[in-house]
Amino acid sequence: MQRAFSLVELSIVLVILGLLVGSVLAGQSLIRAAELRSVTTQIDKYRAAAHTFRDKYFALPGDMANATQFWGELDPAIATCAATATTSGTATCNGDGNGRIRYDAAPSSGAYFSETYRFWQHLANAGLIEGSYTGVGTGLTATDVGTVAGINSPKSAISNAAWWVSYDQSSGLGMYPAALPRNNFRVGGTTTTSWPAGKLFTPTELWSIDTKLDDGKPALGIVTAPISSYPALPDCTTSDATTAEYELTITSKECMGYFAVGL
């Protein structure tokens, strides 16, 4: 004789399933909230490390023109050094000392030179951050600045994301916030063929971080975001380079963030 579930039993099962689903969703929300809090913690840590480095060495990490005097030289030829990864030890390359942490040509060489990746290497060499870093992009060419978290750039506390640092300036096309130019930390989803520009935050999440640390405006202050005419991230903010607002009605991940280094 077959026996079916009673309505009471079915109701109990549905209630249990509802509680389980609710617990999972609540757990995911708590994990995400912890990840977002960790972003601000990492910003503070890396900013403090960069300021301590400047006070000790009178230069910016990555941009430091006499770094090899402290940690050894990978190669005396600027072009060769620029394209050589550090696989062990502290040997490194010099920056050009112009105050801009850039991934462009080294002085008098025409060689690709990624100060952005030497930045993390110099901080690690100085004992100011954890880890060891290769000091180069994955492609070692001017068109491939690929980032691998934990290899040439620190991992973000958010999975599949990494940190980047560079001197950013407005292109004049209205793509970038009015607050630029300056040296910025950036955090975004990783890609092996470019800097970390993947969509990482919802507009509301980045607005929340911006509001806690700054003014809640994506085009102004120390926390900014690419505005909507930026091709890879068109739905994070509205379009004006000076008066842009976060697109708070959009609930999908559409943003990466700029955070001023303050140097």
C-alpha atoms as a PDB file:
ATOM      1  CA  MET A   1       0.000   0.000   0.000  1.00  0.00           C
ATOM      2  CA  GLN A   2       1.469   3.362  -1.061  1.00  0.00           C
ATOM      3  CA  ARG A   3       1.254   6.280   1.305  1.00  0.00           C
ATOM      4  CA  ALA A   4       1.408   9.912   0.070  1.00  0.00           C
ATOM      5  CA  PHE A   5       2.749  12.812   2.067  1.00  0.00           C
ATOM      6  CA  SER A   6       0.164  14.738   3.981  1.00  0.00           C
ATOM      7  CA  LEU A   7      -0.288  18.473   3.509  1.00  0.00           C
ATOM      8  CA  VAL A   8       1.256  19.041   6.910  1.00  0.00           C
ATOM      9  CA  GLU A   9       4.334  17.025   5.992  1.00  0.00           C
ATOM     10  CA  LEU A  10       4.684  18.840   2.666  1.00  0.00           C
ATOM     11  CA  SER A  11       4.350  22.156   4.444  1.00  0.00           C
ATOM     12  CA  ILE A  12       7.095  21.209   6.876  1.00  0.00           C
ATOM     13  CA  VAL A  13       9.394  20.214   3.977  1.00  0.00           C
ATOM     14  CA  LEU A  14       8.709  23.505   2.204  1.00  0.00           C
ATOM     15  CA  VAL A  15       9.411  25.478   5.369  1.00  0.00           C
ATOM     16  CA  ILE A  16      12.712  23.632   5.853  1.00  0.00           C
ATOM     17  CA  LEU A  17      13.708  24.243   2.227  1.00  0.00           C
ATOM     18  CA  GLY A  18      12.833  27.910   2.612  1.00  0.00           C
ATOM     19  CA  LEU A  19      14.962  28.176   5.738  1.00  0.00           C
ATOM     20  CA  LEU A  20      17.877  26.481   3.987  1.00  0.00           C
ATOM     21  CA  VAL A  21      17.656  28.771   0.962  1.00  0.00           C
ATOM     22  CA  GLY A  22      17.379  31.803   3.228  1.00  0.00           C
ATOM     23  CA  SER A  23      20.414  30.697   5.201  1.00  0.00           C
ATOM     24  CA  VAL A  24      22.463  30.236   2.036  1.00  0.00           C
ATOM     25  CA  LEU A  25      21.492  33.661   0.717  1.00  0.00           C
ATOM     26  CA  ALA A  26      22.189  35.282   4.072  1.00  0.00           C
ATOM     27  CA  GLY A  27      25.555  33.539   4.198  1.00  0.00           C
ATOM     28  CA  GLN A  28      26.443  34.764   0.718  1.00  0.00           C
ATOM     29  CA  SER A  29      25.464  38.288   1.694  1.00  0.00           C
ATOM     30  CA  LEU A  30      27.668  38.156   4.793  1.00  0.00           C
ATOM     31  CA  ILE A  31      30.610  36.815   2.773  1.00  0.00           C
ATOM     32  CA  ARG A  32      30.218  39.583   0.201  1.00  0.00           C
ATOM     33  CA  ALA A  33      30.003  42.233   2.919  1.00  0.00           C
ATOM     34  CA  ALA A  34      33.224  40.910   4.445  1.00  0.00           C
ATOM     35  CA  GLU A  35      34.924  41.011   1.029  1.00  0.00           C
ATOM     36  CA  LEU A  36      33.910  44.633   0.512  1.00  0.00           C
ATOM     37  CA  ARG A  37      35.186  45.613   3.969  1.00  0.00           C
ATOM     38  CA  SER A  38      38.478  43.925   3.156  1.00  0.00           C
ATOM     39  CA  VAL A  39      38.907  46.153   0.097  1.00  0.00           C
ATOM     40  CA  THR A  40      39.061  49.254   2.288  1.00  0.00           C
ATOM     41  CA  THR A  41      41.465  47.463   4.651  1.00  0.00           C
ATOM     42  CA  GLN A  42      43.793  46.630   1.755  1.00  0.00           C
ATOM     43  CA  ILE A  43      43.637  50.186   0.433  1.00  0.00           C
ATOM     44  CA  ASP A  44      44.741  51.516   3.810  1.00  0.00           C
ATOM     45  CA  LYS A  45      47.526  48.919   4.040  1.00  0.00           C
ATOM     46  CA  TYR A  46      48.989  49.591   0.580  1.00  0.00           C
ATOM     47  CA  ARG A  47      48.682  53.343   0.929  1.00  0.00           C
ATOM     48  CA  ALA A  48      50.478  53.248   4.287  1.00  0.00           C
ATOM     49  CA  ALA A  49      53.197  51.005   2.816  1.00  0.00           C
ATOM     50  CA  ALA A  50      53.779  53.402  -0.086  1.00  0.00           C
ATOM     51  CA  HIS A  51      54.023  56.400   2.247  1.00  0.00           C
ATOM     52  CA  THR A  52      56.426  54.570   4.563  1.00  0.00           C
ATOM     53  CA  PHE A  53      58.569  53.613   1.558  1.00  0.00           C
ATOM     54  CA  ARG A  54      58.728  57.218   0.381  1.00  0.00           C
ATOM     55  CA  ASP A  55      59.697  58.449   3.839  1.00  0.00           C
ATOM     56  CA  LYS A  56      62.484  55.858   4.075  1.00  0.00           C
ATOM     57  CA  TYR A  57      63.881  55.930   0.519  1.00  0.00           C
ATOM     58  CA  PHE A  58      62.832  59.434  -0.639  1.00  0.00           C
ATOM     59  CA  ALA A  59      61.265  57.908  -3.749  1.00  0.00           C
ATOM     60  CA  LEU A  60      58.136  56.114  -4.864  1.00  0.00           C
ATOM     61  CA  PRO A  61      58.224  52.327  -5.172  1.00  0.00           C
ATOM     62  CA  GLY A  62      58.491  51.280  -8.806  1.00  0.00           C
ATOM     63  CA  ASP A  63      59.539  54.802  -9.788  1.00  0.00           C
ATOM     64  CA  MET A  64      62.668  54.688  -7.591  1.00  0.00           C
ATOM     65  CA  ALA A  65      65.726  55.651  -9.674  1.00  0.00           C
ATOM     66  CA  ASN A  66      68.312  53.934  -7.423  1.00  0.00           C
ATOM     67  CA  ALA A  67      66.484  50.769  -6.401  1.00  0.00           C
ATOM     68  CA  THR A  68      69.275  48.527  -7.707  1.00  0.00           C
ATOM     69  CA  GLN A  69      71.709  50.055  -5.210  1.00  0.00           C
ATOM     70  CA  PHE A  70      69.623  48.559  -2.412  1.00  0.00           C
ATOM     71  CA  TRP A  71      68.445  45.251  -3.850  1.00  0.00           C
ATOM     72  CA  GLY A  72      70.723  44.343  -6.757  1.00  0.00           C
ATOM     73  CA  GLU A  73      70.387  44.662 -10.510  1.00  0.00           C
ATOM     74  CA  LEU A  74      68.784  42.121 -12.828  1.00  0.00           C
ATOM     75  CA  ASP A  75      70.723  43.398 -15.845  1.00  0.00           C
ATOM     76  CA  PRO A  76      72.778  46.550 -16.535  1.00  0.00           C
ATOM     77  CA  ALA A  77      71.035  47.100 -19.876  1.00  0.00           C
ATOM     78  CA  ILE A  78      67.836  49.049 -19.246  1.00  0.00           C
ATOM     79  CA  ALA A  79      65.893  47.325 -22.018  1.00  0.00           C
ATOM     80  CA  THR A  80      66.923  43.863 -20.880  1.00  0.00           C
ATOM     81  CA  CYS A  81      66.264  44.620 -17.245  1.00  0.00           C
ATOM     82  CA  ALA A  82      62.827  45.979 -18.100  1.00  0.00           C
ATOM     83  CA  ALA A  83      61.787  42.698 -19.697  1.00  0.00           C
ATOM     84  CA  THR A  84      63.339  40.366 -17.123  1.00  0.00           C
ATOM     85  CA  ALA A  85      61.289  38.764 -14.380  1.00  0.00           C
ATOM     86  CA  THR A  86      62.692  38.319 -10.897  1.00  0.00           C
ATOM     87  CA  THR A  87      62.316  34.619 -10.142  1.00  0.00           C
ATOM     88  CA  SER A  88      64.281  34.547  -6.880  1.00  0.00           C
ATOM     89  CA  GLY A  89      66.014  36.994  -4.589  1.00  0.00           C
ATOM     90  CA  THR A  90      65.511  40.757  -4.620  1.00  0.00           C
ATOM     91  CA  ALA A  91      67.309  41.874  -7.814  1.00  0.00           C
ATOM     92  CA  THR A  92      65.232  44.495  -9.589  1.00  0.00           C
ATOM     93  CA  CYS A  93      65.255  47.454 -12.006  1.00  0.00           C
ATOM     94  CA  ASN A  94      65.264  51.210 -11.491  1.00  0.00           C
ATOM     95  CA  GLY A  95      62.404  53.514 -12.296  1.00  0.00           C
ATOM     96  CA  ASP A  96      62.839  56.888 -13.962  1.00  0.00           C
ATOM     97  CA  GLY A  97      62.222  58.952 -10.811  1.00  0.00           C
ATOM     98  CA  ASN A  98      59.666  61.314 -12.339  1.00  0.00           C
ATOM     99  CA  GLY A  99      57.033  60.780  -9.640  1.00  0.00           C
ATOM    100  CA  ARG A 100      54.669  58.928 -11.970  1.00  0.00           C
ATOM    101  CA  ILE A 101      54.210  55.192 -11.532  1.00  0.00           C
ATOM    102  CA  ARG A 102      53.806  54.219 -15.153  1.00  0.00           C
ATOM    103  CA  TYR A 103      54.006  51.344 -17.594  1.00  0.00           C
ATOM    104  CA  ASP A 104      55.787  53.215 -20.359  1.00  0.00           C
ATOM    105  CA  ALA A 105      59.247  53.725 -21.849  1.00  0.00           C
ATOM    106  CA  ALA A 106      62.298  53.855 -19.631  1.00  0.00           C
ATOM    107  CA  PRO A 107      64.492  56.950 -20.095  1.00  0.00           C
ATOM    108  CA  SER A 108      66.795  56.924 -23.153  1.00  0.00           C
ATOM    109  CA  SER A 109      65.986  53.325 -24.054  1.00  0.00           C
ATOM    110  CA  GLY A 110      62.666  53.112 -25.871  1.00  0.00           C
ATOM    111  CA  ALA A 111      62.189  49.879 -23.937  1.00  0.00           C
ATOM    112  CA  TYR A 112      58.973  48.806 -22.336  1.00  0.00           C
ATOM    113  CA  PHE A 113      59.271  49.440 -18.593  1.00  0.00           C
ATOM    114  CA  SER A 114      56.537  48.530 -16.178  1.00  0.00           C
ATOM    115  CA  GLU A 115      56.966  50.606 -13.031  1.00  0.00           C
ATOM    116  CA  THR A 116      53.487  49.430 -12.075  1.00  0.00           C
ATOM    117  CA  TYR A 117      54.744  45.914 -11.416  1.00  0.00           C
ATOM    118  CA  ARG A 118      58.111  46.952  -9.932  1.00  0.00           C
ATOM    119  CA  PHE A 119      55.998  48.985  -7.465  1.00  0.00           C
ATOM    120  CA  TRP A 120      54.842  45.808  -5.715  1.00  0.00           C
ATOM    121  CA  GLN A 121      58.292  44.247  -5.983  1.00  0.00           C
ATOM    122  CA  HIS A 122      59.981  47.250  -4.368  1.00  0.00           C
ATOM    123  CA  LEU A 123      57.449  47.279  -1.516  1.00  0.00           C
ATOM    124  CA  ALA A 124      58.023  43.565  -0.931  1.00  0.00           C
ATOM    125  CA  ASN A 125      61.816  44.002  -1.099  1.00  0.00           C
ATOM    126  CA  ALA A 126      61.520  46.692   1.554  1.00  0.00           C
ATOM    127  CA  GLY A 127      59.527  44.325   3.781  1.00  0.00           C
ATOM    128  CA  LEU A 128      56.461  46.565   3.689  1.00  0.00           C
ATOM    129  CA  ILE A 129      54.036  44.070   2.110  1.00  0.00           C
ATOM    130  CA  GLU A 130      53.842  40.292   2.064  1.00  0.00           C
ATOM    131  CA  GLY A 131      54.786  38.145  -0.911  1.00  0.00           C
ATOM    132  CA  SER A 132      57.289  38.270  -3.750  1.00  0.00           C
ATOM    133  CA  TYR A 133      56.590  39.610  -7.222  1.00  0.00           C
ATOM    134  CA  THR A 134      58.170  39.178 -10.644  1.00  0.00           C
ATOM    135  CA  GLY A 135      58.164  42.887 -11.498  1.00  0.00           C
ATOM    136  CA  VAL A 136      56.875  42.404 -15.050  1.00  0.00           C
ATOM    137  CA  GLY A 137      53.636  41.852 -16.927  1.00  0.00           C
ATOM    138  CA  THR A 138      52.923  38.389 -18.217  1.00  0.00           C
ATOM    139  CA  GLY A 139      53.649  39.306 -21.844  1.00  0.00           C
ATOM    140  CA  LEU A 140      56.749  41.490 -21.382  1.00  0.00           C
ATOM    141  CA  THR A 141      55.704  43.738 -24.255  1.00  0.00           C
ATOM    142  CA  ALA A 142      54.243  47.215 -24.486  1.00  0.00           C
ATOM    143  CA  THR A 143      50.859  45.826 -25.512  1.00  0.00           C
ATOM    144  CA  ASP A 144      50.598  43.036 -22.958  1.00  0.00           C
ATOM    145  CA  VAL A 145      50.475  44.138 -19.341  1.00  0.00           C
ATOM    146  CA  GLY A 146      48.827  40.940 -18.141  1.00  0.00           C
ATOM    147  CA  THR A 147      48.251  40.645 -14.415  1.00  0.00           C
ATOM    148  CA  VAL A 148      48.386  37.400 -12.455  1.00  0.00           C
ATOM    149  CA  ALA A 149      47.327  37.857  -8.848  1.00  0.00           C
ATOM    150  CA  GLY A 150      49.994  36.678  -6.436  1.00  0.00           C
ATOM    151  CA  ILE A 151      52.638  36.556  -9.185  1.00  0.00           C
ATOM    152  CA  ASN A 152      53.149  40.139 -10.336  1.00  0.00           C
ATOM    153  CA  SER A 153      50.437  41.880  -8.321  1.00  0.00           C
ATOM    154  CA  PRO A 154      48.791  41.292  -4.924  1.00  0.00           C
ATOM    155  CA  LYS A 155      45.580  39.320  -4.752  1.00  0.00           C
ATOM    156  CA  SER A 156      42.450  41.143  -3.824  1.00  0.00           C
ATOM    157  CA  ALA A 157      40.442  39.753  -0.939  1.00  0.00           C
ATOM    158  CA  ILE A 158      37.679  39.409  -3.546  1.00  0.00           C
ATOM    159  CA  SER A 159      38.206  36.243  -5.570  1.00  0.00           C
ATOM    160  CA  ASN A 160      39.480  36.483  -9.162  1.00  0.00           C
ATOM    161  CA  ALA A 161      40.630  40.060  -8.648  1.00  0.00           C
ATOM    162  CA  ALA A 162      43.964  41.833  -8.252  1.00  0.00           C
ATOM    163  CA  TRP A 163      45.513  45.192  -7.439  1.00  0.00           C
ATOM    164  CA  TRP A 164      47.212  47.511  -9.888  1.00  0.00           C
ATOM    165  CA  VAL A 165      48.837  50.911  -9.490  1.00  0.00           C
ATOM    166  CA  SER A 166      49.608  53.538 -12.101  1.00  0.00           C
ATOM    167  CA  TYR A 167      49.630  57.212 -12.921  1.00  0.00           C
ATOM    168  CA  ASP A 168      46.304  57.969 -14.617  1.00  0.00           C
ATOM    169  CA  GLN A 169      45.398  61.044 -16.557  1.00  0.00           C
ATOM    170  CA  SER A 170      42.400  62.215 -18.525  1.00  0.00           C
ATOM    171  CA  SER A 171      42.543  61.353 -22.197  1.00  0.00           C
ATOM    172  CA  GLY A 172      40.458  64.387 -23.081  1.00  0.00           C
ATOM    173  CA  LEU A 173      37.720  62.075 -24.344  1.00  0.00           C
ATOM    174  CA  GLY A 174      35.577  62.321 -21.244  1.00  0.00           C
ATOM    175  CA  MET A 175      36.341  58.711 -20.343  1.00  0.00           C
ATOM    176  CA  TYR A 176      38.082  59.389 -17.061  1.00  0.00           C
ATOM    177  CA  PRO A 177      37.076  61.156 -13.840  1.00  0.00           C
ATOM    178  CA  ALA A 178      37.770  64.844 -13.402  1.00  0.00           C
ATOM    179  CA  ALA A 179      39.920  64.076 -10.324  1.00  0.00           C
ATOM    180  CA  LEU A 180      42.755  62.695 -12.469  1.00  0.00           C
ATOM    181  CA  PRO A 181      45.754  62.962 -13.124  1.00  0.00           C
ATOM    182  CA  ARG A 182      47.404  61.233 -10.176  1.00  0.00           C
ATOM    183  CA  ASN A 183      48.876  57.933  -9.004  1.00  0.00           C
ATOM    184  CA  ASN A 184      46.029  55.510  -8.311  1.00  0.00           C
ATOM    185  CA  PHE A 185      45.493  52.098  -6.887  1.00  0.00           C
ATOM    186  CA  ARG A 186      42.969  50.166  -8.906  1.00  0.00           C
ATOM    187  CA  VAL A 187      41.231  46.906  -8.132  1.00  0.00           C
ATOM    188  CA  GLY A 188      39.364  44.891 -10.721  1.00  0.00           C
ATOM    189  CA  GLY A 189      38.789  41.463 -12.150  1.00  0.00           C
ATOM    190  CA  THR A 190      41.957  39.860 -13.488  1.00  0.00           C
ATOM    191  CA  THR A 191      42.905  39.212 -17.083  1.00  0.00           C
ATOM    192  CA  THR A 192      46.142  37.717 -18.394  1.00  0.00           C
ATOM    193  CA  THR A 193      46.347  40.180 -21.288  1.00  0.00           C
ATOM    194  CA  SER A 194      45.721  43.501 -19.577  1.00  0.00           C
ATOM    195  CA  TRP A 195      45.647  45.332 -16.268  1.00  0.00           C
ATOM    196  CA  PRO A 196      42.833  44.253 -13.895  1.00  0.00           C
ATOM    197  CA  ALA A 197      39.840  45.949 -15.484  1.00  0.00           C
ATOM    198  CA  GLY A 198      37.206  43.268 -15.063  1.00  0.00           C
ATOM    199  CA  LYS A 199      33.838  44.141 -13.536  1.00  0.00           C
ATOM    200  CA  LEU A 200      34.122  43.609  -9.790  1.00  0.00           C
ATOM    201  CA  PHE A 201      31.548  45.753  -7.954  1.00  0.00           C
ATOM    202  CA  THR A 202      27.922  46.623  -8.449  1.00  0.00           C
ATOM    203  CA  PRO A 203      27.430  50.408  -8.691  1.00  0.00           C
ATOM    204  CA  THR A 204      25.827  50.345  -5.244  1.00  0.00           C
ATOM    205  CA  GLU A 205      28.779  48.464  -3.734  1.00  0.00           C
ATOM    206  CA  LEU A 206      31.335  50.916  -5.113  1.00  0.00           C
ATOM    207  CA  TRP A 207      29.106  53.850  -4.130  1.00  0.00           C
ATOM    208  CA  SER A 208      29.049  52.449  -0.582  1.00  0.00           C
ATOM    209  CA  ILE A 209      32.860  52.222  -0.464  1.00  0.00           C
ATOM    210  CA  ASP A 210      33.139  55.712  -1.978  1.00  0.00           C
ATOM    211  CA  THR A 211      30.689  57.123   0.567  1.00  0.00           C
ATOM    212  CA  LYS A 212      32.568  55.575   3.503  1.00  0.00           C
ATOM    213  CA  LEU A 213      36.001  56.725   2.336  1.00  0.00           C
ATOM    214  CA  ASP A 214      35.171  59.867   0.389  1.00  0.00           C
ATOM    215  CA  ASP A 215      32.261  61.805  -1.116  1.00  0.00           C
ATOM    216  CA  GLY A 216      30.150  59.204  -2.970  1.00  0.00           C
ATOM    217  CA  LYS A 217      30.916  60.879  -6.310  1.00  0.00           C
ATOM    218  CA  PRO A 218      32.580  58.721  -8.994  1.00  0.00           C
ATOM    219  CA  ALA A 219      34.217  61.655 -10.804  1.00  0.00           C
ATOM    220  CA  LEU A 220      35.615  63.521  -7.794  1.00  0.00           C
ATOM    221  CA  GLY A 221      37.671  62.939  -4.659  1.00  0.00           C
ATOM    222  CA  ILE A 222      40.026  60.134  -3.672  1.00  0.00           C
ATOM    223  CA  VAL A 223      37.699  57.299  -4.760  1.00  0.00           C
ATOM    224  CA  THR A 224      36.610  57.405  -8.397  1.00  0.00           C
ATOM    225  CA  ALA A 225      35.410  55.129 -11.193  1.00  0.00           C
ATOM    226  CA  PRO A 226      35.629  55.144 -14.997  1.00  0.00           C
ATOM    227  CA  ILE A 227      32.597  56.996 -16.308  1.00  0.00           C
ATOM    228  CA  SER A 228      30.115  55.509 -18.762  1.00  0.00           C
ATOM    229  CA  SER A 229      32.001  56.384 -21.948  1.00  0.00           C
ATOM    230  CA  TYR A 230      34.796  54.060 -20.826  1.00  0.00           C
ATOM    231  CA  PRO A 231      34.236  51.204 -23.320  1.00  0.00           C
ATOM    232  CA  ALA A 232      34.801  48.243 -20.999  1.00  0.00           C
ATOM    233  CA  LEU A 233      32.647  49.585 -18.142  1.00  0.00           C
ATOM    234  CA  PRO A 234      29.737  51.502 -19.661  1.00  0.00           C
ATOM    235  CA  ASP A 235      27.123  50.836 -16.966  1.00  0.00           C
ATOM    236  CA  CYS A 236      28.867  51.792 -13.729  1.00  0.00           C
ATOM    237  CA  THR A 237      28.184  55.547 -13.822  1.00  0.00           C
ATOM    238  CA  THR A 238      26.509  58.250 -15.835  1.00  0.00           C
ATOM    239  CA  SER A 239      28.495  60.000 -18.518  1.00  0.00           C
ATOM    240  CA  ASP A 240      29.785  63.387 -17.386  1.00  0.00           C
ATOM    241  CA  ALA A 241      33.473  63.487 -16.386  1.00  0.00           C
ATOM    242  CA  THR A 242      32.762  66.055 -13.664  1.00  0.00           C
ATOM    243  CA  THR A 243      29.206  65.418 -12.434  1.00  0.00           C
ATOM    244  CA  ALA A 244      28.846  61.657 -13.001  1.00  0.00           C
ATOM    245  CA  GLU A 245      26.752  59.604 -10.584  1.00  0.00           C
ATOM    246  CA  TYR A 246      26.752  55.885  -9.869  1.00  0.00           C
ATOM    247  CA  GLU A 247      24.019  53.942 -11.707  1.00  0.00           C
ATOM    248  CA  LEU A 248      22.384  52.758  -8.494  1.00  0.00           C
ATOM    249  CA  THR A 249      19.417  51.125 -10.241  1.00  0.00           C
ATOM    250  CA  ILE A 250      21.728  48.587 -11.898  1.00  0.00           C
ATOM    251  CA  THR A 251      22.248  45.521  -9.709  1.00  0.00           C
ATOM    252  CA  SER A 252      24.824  43.592 -11.753  1.00  0.00           C
ATOM    253  CA  LYS A 253      28.610  43.957 -11.345  1.00  0.00           C
ATOM    254  CA  GLU A 254      29.628  46.806 -13.651  1.00  0.00           C
ATOM    255  CA  CYS A 255      32.454  48.651 -11.864  1.00  0.00           C
ATOM    256  CA  MET A 256      36.113  48.681 -10.941  1.00  0.00           C
ATOM    257  CA  GLY A 257      37.552  51.358  -8.699  1.00  0.00           C
ATOM    258  CA  TYR A 258      40.310  53.984  -8.614  1.00  0.00           C
ATOM    259  CA  PHE A 259      41.742  54.858  -5.176  1.00  0.00           C
ATOM    260  CA  ALA A 260      44.228  57.718  -4.900  1.00  0.00           C
ATOM    261  CA  VAL A 261      47.643  56.691  -3.596  1.00  0.00           C
ATOM    262  CA  GLY A 262      48.137  60.207  -2.237  1.00  0.00           C
ATOM    263  CA  LEU A 263      51.710  60.472  -3.541  1.00  0.00           C
END
